C-alpha cells in the first residue's frame, strides 16, 4: 500500500508493460537526444496512456517550444517550483535554466519569499527588472489566480498578447504539474539534472 513518505512513490514510474511499447520506445528516443535516464515525471504520467501524449504535446508547446525566451520560461518555472515546494521541478529546471542562460544568482533569487525587498540580480541571461516583473506575475497567478491591472499593464508593455497568455498558461501548468508530482510522490531519478532541450 502506498505511503505518504517522500521516499516512496505513491504511483511508481511505469515500465514497458504499464506504459506500452510505443510510448516506451518514444521515451528511449527522447532520452538519447537529451541524455540521462527517462525522467520519472514522464514514466509516471505515461501510466495514463490516453492522457500522456496530449499532455506532452501541450507541455512542450509551452516549454521548450513556446514563444517566450528560454530564460523567461525557466525563471517562471523556477518560481513556481520554489513557491509550490516542488523539489523535483526545481532540480530539473535549475539545470535547464543554466542551459538557457540564467545565472546562479538569479536562480537562487527565485527562492525568496513573496514581498522580499531584495532586487533581482540581473545577468547576461535576463535583466533584473524583467526578472522582478515575471516573478511578480507568477506570484499573483499562484496566489490570486489573477493579474493586477498594474502587472498586466507592465507585461503588456513588454510582451505581445500571445506571450502574456503564455506566461499565464505556463505558470498555471507548472503549478498543476507540481501538485501532481507531490501527490504521486514522484522521485528524482539517479543522475537527474543533465538535459538538452533546445
N, C-alpha and C. Protein backbone atom coordinates (compact mmCIF):
# COMPACT_ATOMS: atom_id res chain seq x y z
N UNK A 1 0.84 -1.18 0.00
CA UNK A 1 0.00 0.00 0.00
C UNK A 1 0.88 1.24 0.00
N UNK A 2 0.60 2.26 -0.85
CA UNK A 2 1.42 3.46 -0.90
C UNK A 2 1.39 4.20 0.43
N UNK A 3 2.50 4.85 0.74
CA UNK A 3 2.59 5.64 1.95
C UNK A 3 2.75 7.10 1.58
N UNK A 4 2.70 7.96 2.58
CA UNK A 4 2.91 9.39 2.37
C UNK A 4 4.38 9.76 2.45
N UNK A 5 5.24 8.78 2.62
CA UNK A 5 6.67 9.03 2.74
C UNK A 5 7.21 9.64 1.46
N UNK A 6 8.04 10.70 1.60
CA UNK A 6 8.64 11.27 0.40
C UNK A 6 9.61 10.32 -0.28
N UNK A 7 10.04 9.26 0.41
CA UNK A 7 10.98 8.31 -0.19
C UNK A 7 10.27 7.25 -1.01
N UNK A 8 8.99 7.10 -0.86
CA UNK A 8 8.24 6.03 -1.52
C UNK A 8 7.22 6.63 -2.48
N UNK A 9 7.34 6.38 -3.79
CA UNK A 9 6.33 6.92 -4.70
C UNK A 9 4.96 6.30 -4.45
N UNK A 10 3.93 7.11 -4.52
CA UNK A 10 2.57 6.59 -4.42
C UNK A 10 2.16 5.94 -5.74
N UNK A 11 2.62 6.52 -6.83
CA UNK A 11 2.41 5.94 -8.16
C UNK A 11 3.79 5.75 -8.76
N UNK A 12 4.20 4.52 -8.88
CA UNK A 12 5.56 4.22 -9.35
C UNK A 12 5.70 4.53 -10.83
N UNK A 13 6.89 4.94 -11.26
CA UNK A 13 7.12 5.13 -12.69
C UNK A 13 6.84 3.84 -13.45
N UNK A 14 6.16 3.98 -14.58
CA UNK A 14 5.80 2.81 -15.35
C UNK A 14 6.95 2.26 -16.16
N UNK A 15 6.91 0.97 -16.36
CA UNK A 15 7.84 0.30 -17.27
C UNK A 15 7.13 0.02 -18.59
N UNK A 16 7.72 -0.80 -19.41
CA UNK A 16 7.16 -1.10 -20.73
C UNK A 16 5.73 -1.61 -20.61
N UNK A 17 5.48 -2.52 -19.68
CA UNK A 17 4.16 -3.13 -19.54
C UNK A 17 3.10 -2.08 -19.17
N UNK A 18 3.45 -1.16 -18.28
CA UNK A 18 2.45 -0.19 -17.80
C UNK A 18 2.19 0.94 -18.80
N UNK A 19 3.19 1.33 -19.56
CA UNK A 19 3.01 2.49 -20.43
C UNK A 19 2.91 2.13 -21.91
N UNK A 20 3.21 0.88 -22.25
CA UNK A 20 3.08 0.42 -23.63
C UNK A 20 4.38 0.59 -24.41
N UNK A 21 4.60 -0.32 -25.33
CA UNK A 21 5.84 -0.30 -26.11
C UNK A 21 6.03 0.96 -26.94
N UNK A 22 5.01 1.45 -27.66
CA UNK A 22 5.24 2.66 -28.47
C UNK A 22 5.70 3.85 -27.63
N UNK A 23 5.08 4.06 -26.47
CA UNK A 23 5.48 5.17 -25.61
C UNK A 23 6.87 4.94 -25.05
N UNK A 24 7.17 3.71 -24.67
CA UNK A 24 8.50 3.39 -24.14
C UNK A 24 9.58 3.66 -25.19
N UNK A 25 9.33 3.23 -26.42
CA UNK A 25 10.30 3.47 -27.49
C UNK A 25 10.46 4.96 -27.75
N UNK A 26 9.34 5.69 -27.72
CA UNK A 26 9.40 7.14 -27.90
C UNK A 26 10.28 7.77 -26.82
N UNK A 27 10.09 7.36 -25.57
CA UNK A 27 10.90 7.90 -24.48
C UNK A 27 12.37 7.55 -24.65
N UNK A 28 12.65 6.36 -25.15
CA UNK A 28 14.04 5.98 -25.39
C UNK A 28 14.68 6.91 -26.42
N UNK A 29 13.94 7.25 -27.47
CA UNK A 29 14.45 8.18 -28.48
C UNK A 29 14.70 9.56 -27.89
N UNK A 30 13.76 10.02 -27.07
CA UNK A 30 13.90 11.35 -26.46
C UNK A 30 15.13 11.39 -25.57
N UNK A 31 15.34 10.35 -24.77
CA UNK A 31 16.47 10.38 -23.84
C UNK A 31 17.81 10.21 -24.56
N UNK A 32 17.82 9.59 -25.72
CA UNK A 32 19.07 9.56 -26.50
C UNK A 32 19.46 10.97 -26.91
N UNK A 33 18.45 11.80 -27.19
CA UNK A 33 18.72 13.18 -27.60
C UNK A 33 19.06 14.07 -26.40
N UNK A 34 18.38 13.87 -25.29
CA UNK A 34 18.56 14.77 -24.15
C UNK A 34 19.63 14.30 -23.18
N UNK A 35 19.96 13.03 -23.17
CA UNK A 35 20.92 12.50 -22.22
C UNK A 35 20.24 12.16 -20.90
N UNK A 36 20.84 11.26 -20.15
CA UNK A 36 20.30 10.90 -18.86
C UNK A 36 19.19 9.87 -18.96
N UNK A 37 18.67 9.46 -17.81
CA UNK A 37 17.61 8.46 -17.78
C UNK A 37 16.27 9.06 -18.21
N UNK A 38 15.30 8.20 -18.49
CA UNK A 38 13.95 8.69 -18.77
C UNK A 38 13.44 9.36 -17.50
N UNK A 39 13.00 10.61 -17.58
CA UNK A 39 12.53 11.29 -16.37
C UNK A 39 11.33 10.57 -15.74
N UNK A 40 11.35 10.46 -14.43
CA UNK A 40 10.26 9.80 -13.71
C UNK A 40 8.93 10.50 -13.92
N UNK A 41 8.94 11.81 -14.16
CA UNK A 41 7.68 12.50 -14.44
C UNK A 41 7.03 11.90 -15.68
N UNK A 42 7.81 11.62 -16.70
CA UNK A 42 7.26 11.05 -17.93
C UNK A 42 6.79 9.61 -17.70
N UNK A 43 7.60 8.83 -17.02
CA UNK A 43 7.25 7.43 -16.78
C UNK A 43 6.03 7.30 -15.87
N UNK A 44 5.84 8.27 -14.98
CA UNK A 44 4.67 8.24 -14.10
C UNK A 44 3.42 8.69 -14.84
N UNK A 45 3.49 9.83 -15.51
CA UNK A 45 2.31 10.34 -16.22
C UNK A 45 1.92 9.43 -17.38
N UNK A 46 2.87 8.72 -17.96
CA UNK A 46 2.57 7.82 -19.08
C UNK A 46 1.74 6.62 -18.66
N UNK A 47 1.60 6.40 -17.36
CA UNK A 47 0.71 5.32 -16.91
C UNK A 47 -0.73 5.61 -17.32
N UNK A 48 -1.04 6.88 -17.55
CA UNK A 48 -2.35 7.26 -18.10
C UNK A 48 -2.15 7.40 -19.61
N UNK A 49 -2.26 6.28 -20.30
CA UNK A 49 -1.89 6.23 -21.72
C UNK A 49 -2.67 7.21 -22.58
N UNK A 50 -3.94 7.40 -22.32
CA UNK A 50 -4.75 8.28 -23.15
C UNK A 50 -4.45 9.75 -22.95
N UNK A 51 -3.89 10.10 -21.80
CA UNK A 51 -3.62 11.49 -21.47
C UNK A 51 -2.18 11.91 -21.75
N UNK A 52 -1.26 10.96 -21.69
CA UNK A 52 0.15 11.32 -21.69
C UNK A 52 0.60 12.06 -22.95
N UNK A 53 0.36 11.52 -24.13
CA UNK A 53 0.85 12.18 -25.34
C UNK A 53 0.21 13.54 -25.58
N UNK A 54 -1.11 13.70 -25.37
CA UNK A 54 -1.67 15.06 -25.48
C UNK A 54 -1.05 16.03 -24.46
N UNK A 55 -0.83 15.53 -23.22
CA UNK A 55 -0.19 16.38 -22.21
C UNK A 55 1.22 16.77 -22.65
N UNK A 56 1.96 15.80 -23.16
CA UNK A 56 3.34 16.06 -23.58
C UNK A 56 3.38 17.08 -24.71
N UNK A 57 2.45 16.98 -25.65
CA UNK A 57 2.39 17.94 -26.75
C UNK A 57 2.11 19.34 -26.21
N UNK A 58 1.09 19.45 -25.34
CA UNK A 58 0.74 20.75 -24.76
C UNK A 58 1.91 21.32 -23.96
N UNK A 59 2.47 20.48 -23.10
CA UNK A 59 3.58 20.92 -22.25
C UNK A 59 4.76 21.41 -23.08
N UNK A 60 5.09 20.68 -24.13
CA UNK A 60 6.24 21.07 -24.95
C UNK A 60 5.97 22.32 -25.78
N UNK A 61 4.69 22.62 -26.05
CA UNK A 61 4.36 23.86 -26.76
C UNK A 61 4.58 25.06 -25.84
N UNK A 62 4.52 24.85 -24.54
CA UNK A 62 4.83 25.92 -23.59
C UNK A 62 6.33 26.02 -23.37
N UNK A 63 6.99 24.87 -23.22
CA UNK A 63 8.42 24.81 -22.94
C UNK A 63 8.92 23.45 -23.39
N UNK A 64 9.86 23.36 -24.28
CA UNK A 64 10.80 24.37 -24.74
C UNK A 64 10.42 25.07 -26.05
N UNK A 65 9.28 24.73 -26.64
CA UNK A 65 8.95 25.26 -27.96
C UNK A 65 7.94 26.40 -27.91
N UNK A 66 7.89 27.12 -26.81
CA UNK A 66 6.99 28.26 -26.69
C UNK A 66 7.57 29.52 -27.31
N UNK A 67 6.84 30.61 -27.18
CA UNK A 67 7.29 31.87 -27.77
C UNK A 67 8.11 32.72 -26.80
N UNK A 68 8.13 32.35 -25.52
CA UNK A 68 8.98 33.05 -24.57
C UNK A 68 10.43 32.61 -24.74
N UNK A 69 11.36 33.48 -24.38
CA UNK A 69 12.77 33.09 -24.35
C UNK A 69 12.96 32.02 -23.28
N UNK A 70 13.96 31.18 -23.49
CA UNK A 70 14.24 30.13 -22.51
C UNK A 70 14.49 30.68 -21.11
N UNK A 71 15.19 31.81 -21.02
CA UNK A 71 15.45 32.40 -19.71
C UNK A 71 14.16 32.85 -19.04
N UNK A 72 13.22 33.35 -19.83
CA UNK A 72 11.95 33.83 -19.28
C UNK A 72 11.10 32.66 -18.79
N UNK A 73 10.96 31.64 -19.61
CA UNK A 73 10.14 30.50 -19.19
C UNK A 73 10.77 29.77 -18.01
N UNK A 74 12.08 29.61 -18.02
CA UNK A 74 12.73 28.91 -16.90
C UNK A 74 12.63 29.69 -15.61
N UNK A 75 12.70 31.02 -15.68
CA UNK A 75 12.54 31.83 -14.48
C UNK A 75 11.15 31.63 -13.88
N UNK A 76 10.12 31.63 -14.72
CA UNK A 76 8.75 31.41 -14.25
C UNK A 76 8.63 30.03 -13.62
N UNK A 77 9.15 29.01 -14.28
CA UNK A 77 9.05 27.64 -13.77
C UNK A 77 9.80 27.50 -12.45
N UNK A 78 10.97 28.10 -12.34
CA UNK A 78 11.72 28.04 -11.08
C UNK A 78 10.96 28.72 -9.95
N UNK A 79 10.29 29.82 -10.26
CA UNK A 79 9.50 30.49 -9.23
C UNK A 79 8.34 29.60 -8.79
N UNK A 80 7.65 29.00 -9.76
CA UNK A 80 6.56 28.08 -9.43
C UNK A 80 7.08 26.94 -8.56
N UNK A 81 8.21 26.35 -8.96
CA UNK A 81 8.77 25.23 -8.20
C UNK A 81 9.10 25.64 -6.77
N UNK A 82 9.66 26.83 -6.60
CA UNK A 82 10.01 27.30 -5.26
C UNK A 82 8.76 27.56 -4.43
N UNK A 83 7.79 28.23 -5.02
CA UNK A 83 6.58 28.59 -4.28
C UNK A 83 5.73 27.37 -3.94
N UNK A 84 5.75 26.35 -4.78
CA UNK A 84 4.93 25.16 -4.53
C UNK A 84 5.69 24.08 -3.77
N UNK A 85 6.98 24.29 -3.54
CA UNK A 85 7.78 23.30 -2.83
C UNK A 85 8.07 22.05 -3.65
N UNK A 86 8.12 22.20 -4.97
CA UNK A 86 8.38 21.04 -5.83
C UNK A 86 9.89 20.88 -6.05
N UNK A 87 10.49 20.04 -5.22
CA UNK A 87 11.92 19.78 -5.36
C UNK A 87 12.25 19.14 -6.71
N UNK A 88 11.34 18.30 -7.19
CA UNK A 88 11.57 17.63 -8.48
C UNK A 88 11.66 18.67 -9.59
N UNK A 89 10.66 19.55 -9.69
CA UNK A 89 10.69 20.61 -10.71
C UNK A 89 11.91 21.49 -10.54
N UNK A 90 12.18 21.87 -9.31
CA UNK A 90 13.29 22.78 -9.04
C UNK A 90 14.61 22.16 -9.52
N UNK A 91 14.84 20.91 -9.17
CA UNK A 91 16.10 20.25 -9.54
C UNK A 91 16.28 20.22 -11.06
N UNK A 92 15.26 19.77 -11.75
CA UNK A 92 15.38 19.67 -13.21
C UNK A 92 15.51 21.03 -13.87
N UNK A 93 14.76 22.01 -13.39
CA UNK A 93 14.75 23.30 -14.07
C UNK A 93 15.90 24.21 -13.65
N UNK A 94 16.61 23.90 -12.59
CA UNK A 94 17.87 24.61 -12.35
C UNK A 94 18.87 24.25 -13.44
N UNK A 95 18.92 22.98 -13.81
CA UNK A 95 19.82 22.56 -14.90
C UNK A 95 19.38 23.18 -16.22
N UNK A 96 18.08 23.16 -16.49
CA UNK A 96 17.58 23.74 -17.74
C UNK A 96 17.72 25.25 -17.75
N UNK A 97 17.55 25.90 -16.59
CA UNK A 97 17.73 27.34 -16.51
C UNK A 97 19.16 27.74 -16.79
N UNK A 98 20.11 27.00 -16.24
CA UNK A 98 21.52 27.28 -16.52
C UNK A 98 21.82 27.09 -18.00
N UNK A 99 21.27 26.04 -18.58
CA UNK A 99 21.47 25.79 -20.00
C UNK A 99 20.88 26.93 -20.84
N UNK A 100 19.75 27.48 -20.41
CA UNK A 100 19.10 28.58 -21.14
C UNK A 100 19.86 29.89 -20.99
N UNK A 101 20.70 30.00 -19.94
CA UNK A 101 21.49 31.21 -19.76
C UNK A 101 21.24 31.96 -18.48
N UNK A 102 20.42 31.41 -17.57
CA UNK A 102 20.20 32.07 -16.28
C UNK A 102 21.41 31.84 -15.38
N UNK A 103 21.82 32.88 -14.68
CA UNK A 103 22.93 32.75 -13.75
C UNK A 103 22.48 32.17 -12.42
N UNK A 104 23.43 31.66 -11.65
CA UNK A 104 23.12 31.05 -10.36
C UNK A 104 22.48 32.04 -9.40
N UNK A 105 22.91 33.31 -9.44
CA UNK A 105 22.36 34.30 -8.51
C UNK A 105 20.88 34.56 -8.76
N UNK A 106 20.51 34.73 -10.02
CA UNK A 106 19.09 35.00 -10.31
C UNK A 106 18.24 33.76 -10.04
N UNK A 107 18.79 32.56 -10.28
CA UNK A 107 18.03 31.35 -9.95
C UNK A 107 17.83 31.23 -8.44
N UNK A 108 18.87 31.53 -7.67
CA UNK A 108 18.73 31.50 -6.21
C UNK A 108 17.74 32.55 -5.74
N UNK A 109 17.71 33.71 -6.40
CA UNK A 109 16.80 34.79 -6.04
C UNK A 109 15.34 34.36 -6.15
N UNK A 110 15.03 33.44 -7.07
CA UNK A 110 13.63 32.99 -7.23
C UNK A 110 13.13 32.22 -6.02
N UNK A 111 14.02 31.86 -5.09
CA UNK A 111 13.61 31.14 -3.88
C UNK A 111 13.13 32.07 -2.77
N UNK A 112 13.37 33.38 -2.91
CA UNK A 112 13.00 34.31 -1.84
C UNK A 112 11.49 34.37 -1.68
N UNK A 113 11.01 34.65 -0.45
CA UNK A 113 9.57 34.71 -0.24
C UNK A 113 8.94 35.89 -0.98
N UNK A 114 7.65 35.78 -1.26
CA UNK A 114 6.93 36.87 -1.91
C UNK A 114 7.02 38.12 -1.05
N UNK A 115 7.24 39.24 -1.70
CA UNK A 115 7.33 40.51 -1.00
C UNK A 115 8.73 40.85 -0.53
N UNK A 116 9.71 40.00 -0.84
CA UNK A 116 11.08 40.30 -0.46
C UNK A 116 11.52 41.60 -1.12
N UNK A 117 12.25 42.41 -0.37
CA UNK A 117 12.70 43.70 -0.90
C UNK A 117 14.03 43.58 -1.65
N UNK A 118 14.60 42.39 -1.69
CA UNK A 118 15.88 42.22 -2.38
C UNK A 118 15.67 42.29 -3.90
N UNK A 119 16.34 43.22 -4.57
CA UNK A 119 16.16 43.32 -6.02
C UNK A 119 16.75 42.11 -6.74
N UNK A 120 16.17 41.82 -7.88
CA UNK A 120 16.68 40.70 -8.68
C UNK A 120 18.05 41.04 -9.23
N UNK A 121 18.99 40.12 -9.11
CA UNK A 121 20.29 40.36 -9.73
C UNK A 121 20.18 40.15 -11.23
N UNK A 122 20.47 41.16 -11.99
CA UNK A 122 20.48 41.00 -13.44
C UNK A 122 21.73 40.24 -13.86
N UNK A 123 21.65 39.56 -14.97
CA UNK A 123 22.83 38.90 -15.52
C UNK A 123 22.69 38.86 -17.03
N UNK A 124 23.59 38.19 -17.69
CA UNK A 124 23.54 38.13 -19.15
C UNK A 124 22.29 37.44 -19.66
N UNK A 125 21.69 36.58 -18.83
CA UNK A 125 20.51 35.83 -19.26
C UNK A 125 19.22 36.62 -19.19
N UNK A 126 19.11 37.51 -18.19
CA UNK A 126 17.86 38.25 -18.01
C UNK A 126 18.15 39.50 -17.18
N UNK A 127 17.55 40.60 -17.54
CA UNK A 127 17.75 41.83 -16.78
C UNK A 127 16.93 41.77 -15.48
N UNK A 128 17.42 42.44 -14.45
CA UNK A 128 16.78 42.39 -13.15
C UNK A 128 15.33 42.84 -13.15
N UNK A 129 15.02 43.94 -13.84
CA UNK A 129 13.64 44.45 -13.85
C UNK A 129 12.68 43.46 -14.49
N UNK A 130 13.11 42.78 -15.53
CA UNK A 130 12.25 41.79 -16.17
C UNK A 130 12.06 40.58 -15.25
N UNK A 131 13.12 40.15 -14.58
CA UNK A 131 13.00 39.04 -13.64
C UNK A 131 12.00 39.38 -12.55
N UNK A 132 12.07 40.61 -12.03
CA UNK A 132 11.13 41.03 -10.99
C UNK A 132 9.70 41.03 -11.49
N UNK A 133 9.48 41.49 -12.71
CA UNK A 133 8.14 41.52 -13.29
C UNK A 133 7.59 40.11 -13.47
N UNK A 134 8.40 39.20 -13.99
CA UNK A 134 7.93 37.83 -14.21
C UNK A 134 7.64 37.11 -12.89
N UNK A 135 8.46 37.36 -11.88
CA UNK A 135 8.20 36.76 -10.57
C UNK A 135 6.95 37.36 -9.95
N UNK A 136 6.77 38.67 -10.07
CA UNK A 136 5.55 39.31 -9.57
C UNK A 136 4.31 38.71 -10.23
N UNK A 137 4.36 38.57 -11.55
CA UNK A 137 3.22 37.99 -12.27
C UNK A 137 2.97 36.55 -11.83
N UNK A 138 4.04 35.78 -11.69
CA UNK A 138 3.90 34.38 -11.26
C UNK A 138 3.29 34.30 -9.87
N UNK A 139 3.76 35.14 -8.96
CA UNK A 139 3.21 35.15 -7.60
C UNK A 139 1.72 35.50 -7.60
N UNK A 140 1.34 36.49 -8.39
CA UNK A 140 -0.08 36.86 -8.45
C UNK A 140 -0.92 35.72 -9.03
N UNK A 141 -0.42 35.09 -10.06
CA UNK A 141 -1.16 33.97 -10.66
C UNK A 141 -1.31 32.81 -9.68
N UNK A 142 -0.26 32.54 -8.90
CA UNK A 142 -0.33 31.45 -7.93
C UNK A 142 -1.24 31.79 -6.76
N UNK A 143 -1.13 33.00 -6.24
CA UNK A 143 -1.86 33.37 -5.03
C UNK A 143 -3.27 33.87 -5.29
N UNK A 144 -3.44 34.64 -6.36
CA UNK A 144 -4.71 35.31 -6.61
C UNK A 144 -5.48 34.71 -7.77
N UNK A 145 -4.84 33.85 -8.54
CA UNK A 145 -5.42 33.31 -9.77
C UNK A 145 -5.86 34.45 -10.69
N UNK A 146 -5.05 35.51 -10.71
CA UNK A 146 -5.36 36.72 -11.47
C UNK A 146 -4.09 37.54 -11.59
N UNK A 147 -4.12 38.54 -12.46
CA UNK A 147 -3.07 39.55 -12.54
C UNK A 147 -3.67 40.89 -12.18
N UNK A 148 -2.96 41.65 -11.36
CA UNK A 148 -3.42 43.01 -11.06
C UNK A 148 -3.37 43.84 -12.33
N UNK A 149 -4.12 44.94 -12.34
CA UNK A 149 -4.10 45.83 -13.51
C UNK A 149 -2.69 46.34 -13.78
N UNK A 150 -1.96 46.68 -12.72
CA UNK A 150 -0.60 47.20 -12.89
C UNK A 150 0.33 46.15 -13.50
N UNK A 151 0.24 44.93 -13.00
CA UNK A 151 1.11 43.87 -13.53
C UNK A 151 0.74 43.52 -14.96
N UNK A 152 -0.56 43.46 -15.25
CA UNK A 152 -0.98 43.18 -16.62
C UNK A 152 -0.49 44.27 -17.57
N UNK A 153 -0.58 45.52 -17.14
CA UNK A 153 -0.11 46.63 -17.98
C UNK A 153 1.40 46.55 -18.19
N UNK A 154 2.14 46.21 -17.13
CA UNK A 154 3.60 46.11 -17.25
C UNK A 154 3.98 44.96 -18.19
N UNK A 155 3.29 43.83 -18.08
CA UNK A 155 3.56 42.72 -19.00
C UNK A 155 3.22 43.11 -20.43
N UNK A 156 2.10 43.79 -20.60
CA UNK A 156 1.65 44.18 -21.95
C UNK A 156 2.59 45.19 -22.59
N UNK A 157 3.31 45.94 -21.77
CA UNK A 157 4.28 46.90 -22.30
C UNK A 157 5.53 46.20 -22.84
N UNK A 158 5.78 44.98 -22.35
CA UNK A 158 6.99 44.25 -22.75
C UNK A 158 6.72 43.08 -23.69
N UNK A 159 5.52 42.55 -23.63
CA UNK A 159 5.18 41.34 -24.38
C UNK A 159 3.91 41.55 -25.19
N UNK A 160 3.80 40.86 -26.32
CA UNK A 160 2.55 40.90 -27.07
C UNK A 160 1.51 40.02 -26.36
N UNK A 161 0.26 40.08 -26.83
CA UNK A 161 -0.82 39.35 -26.17
C UNK A 161 -0.55 37.85 -26.11
N UNK A 162 0.02 37.32 -27.17
CA UNK A 162 0.31 35.88 -27.21
C UNK A 162 1.25 35.49 -26.08
N UNK A 163 2.27 36.28 -25.85
CA UNK A 163 3.23 35.95 -24.79
C UNK A 163 2.64 36.19 -23.40
N UNK A 164 1.79 37.18 -23.25
CA UNK A 164 1.12 37.38 -21.96
C UNK A 164 0.26 36.16 -21.63
N UNK A 165 -0.48 35.67 -22.61
CA UNK A 165 -1.27 34.46 -22.40
C UNK A 165 -0.37 33.28 -22.05
N UNK A 166 0.76 33.19 -22.73
CA UNK A 166 1.68 32.08 -22.48
C UNK A 166 2.25 32.13 -21.07
N UNK A 167 2.54 33.32 -20.57
CA UNK A 167 3.02 33.46 -19.19
C UNK A 167 1.98 32.90 -18.22
N UNK A 168 0.72 33.26 -18.43
CA UNK A 168 -0.35 32.77 -17.56
C UNK A 168 -0.48 31.25 -17.64
N UNK A 169 -0.48 30.72 -18.85
CA UNK A 169 -0.63 29.28 -19.03
C UNK A 169 0.57 28.51 -18.49
N UNK A 170 1.77 29.05 -18.68
CA UNK A 170 2.98 28.38 -18.20
C UNK A 170 2.98 28.28 -16.68
N UNK A 171 2.67 29.38 -16.00
CA UNK A 171 2.64 29.36 -14.54
C UNK A 171 1.57 28.40 -14.04
N UNK A 172 0.39 28.44 -14.64
CA UNK A 172 -0.68 27.55 -14.21
C UNK A 172 -0.37 26.09 -14.49
N UNK A 173 0.21 25.82 -15.64
CA UNK A 173 0.55 24.43 -15.98
C UNK A 173 1.56 23.86 -15.01
N UNK A 174 2.61 24.60 -14.72
CA UNK A 174 3.64 24.07 -13.83
C UNK A 174 3.18 24.01 -12.38
N UNK A 175 2.23 24.85 -11.99
CA UNK A 175 1.65 24.72 -10.64
C UNK A 175 0.85 23.42 -10.55
N UNK A 176 0.07 23.12 -11.58
CA UNK A 176 -0.67 21.87 -11.60
C UNK A 176 0.24 20.66 -11.66
N UNK A 177 1.30 20.76 -12.44
CA UNK A 177 2.26 19.66 -12.52
C UNK A 177 2.96 19.46 -11.18
N UNK A 178 3.32 20.55 -10.51
CA UNK A 178 3.96 20.44 -9.19
C UNK A 178 3.05 19.71 -8.20
N UNK A 179 1.76 20.03 -8.22
CA UNK A 179 0.81 19.35 -7.33
C UNK A 179 0.74 17.86 -7.65
N UNK A 180 0.72 17.53 -8.93
CA UNK A 180 0.67 16.12 -9.34
C UNK A 180 1.93 15.38 -8.92
N UNK A 181 3.09 16.00 -9.13
CA UNK A 181 4.36 15.39 -8.74
C UNK A 181 4.40 15.12 -7.24
N UNK A 182 3.94 16.10 -6.45
CA UNK A 182 3.95 15.92 -5.00
C UNK A 182 2.94 14.87 -4.56
N UNK A 183 1.73 14.91 -5.12
CA UNK A 183 0.69 13.96 -4.73
C UNK A 183 1.08 12.52 -5.08
N UNK A 184 1.73 12.33 -6.22
CA UNK A 184 2.16 10.99 -6.65
C UNK A 184 3.49 10.60 -6.02
N UNK A 185 4.14 11.56 -5.32
CA UNK A 185 5.45 11.34 -4.71
C UNK A 185 6.48 10.90 -5.76
N UNK A 186 6.51 11.61 -6.88
CA UNK A 186 7.47 11.30 -7.94
C UNK A 186 8.87 11.63 -7.43
N UNK A 187 9.77 10.67 -7.57
CA UNK A 187 11.13 10.79 -7.05
C UNK A 187 12.11 11.23 -8.13
N UNK A 188 13.15 11.94 -7.69
CA UNK A 188 14.24 12.26 -8.61
C UNK A 188 14.90 10.96 -9.06
N UNK A 189 15.25 10.92 -10.33
CA UNK A 189 15.93 9.75 -10.86
C UNK A 189 17.44 9.91 -10.66
N UNK A 190 18.17 8.80 -10.50
CA UNK A 190 19.62 8.90 -10.38
C UNK A 190 20.20 9.59 -11.61
N UNK A 191 21.11 10.51 -11.38
CA UNK A 191 21.72 11.24 -12.49
C UNK A 191 20.85 12.34 -13.05
N UNK A 192 19.80 12.74 -12.32
CA UNK A 192 18.90 13.78 -12.83
C UNK A 192 19.62 15.10 -12.94
N UNK A 193 19.20 15.89 -13.89
CA UNK A 193 19.70 17.25 -14.00
C UNK A 193 20.49 17.54 -15.25
N UNK A 194 20.81 16.54 -16.05
CA UNK A 194 21.53 16.82 -17.28
C UNK A 194 20.57 16.70 -18.45
N UNK A 195 20.20 17.85 -19.00
CA UNK A 195 19.20 17.89 -20.06
C UNK A 195 19.68 18.79 -21.18
N UNK A 196 19.23 18.50 -22.37
CA UNK A 196 19.50 19.35 -23.52
C UNK A 196 18.20 19.44 -24.31
N UNK A 197 17.43 20.50 -24.09
CA UNK A 197 16.13 20.58 -24.74
C UNK A 197 16.13 21.46 -25.97
N UNK A 198 16.99 22.44 -26.06
CA UNK A 198 16.94 23.35 -27.21
C UNK A 198 18.17 23.17 -28.05
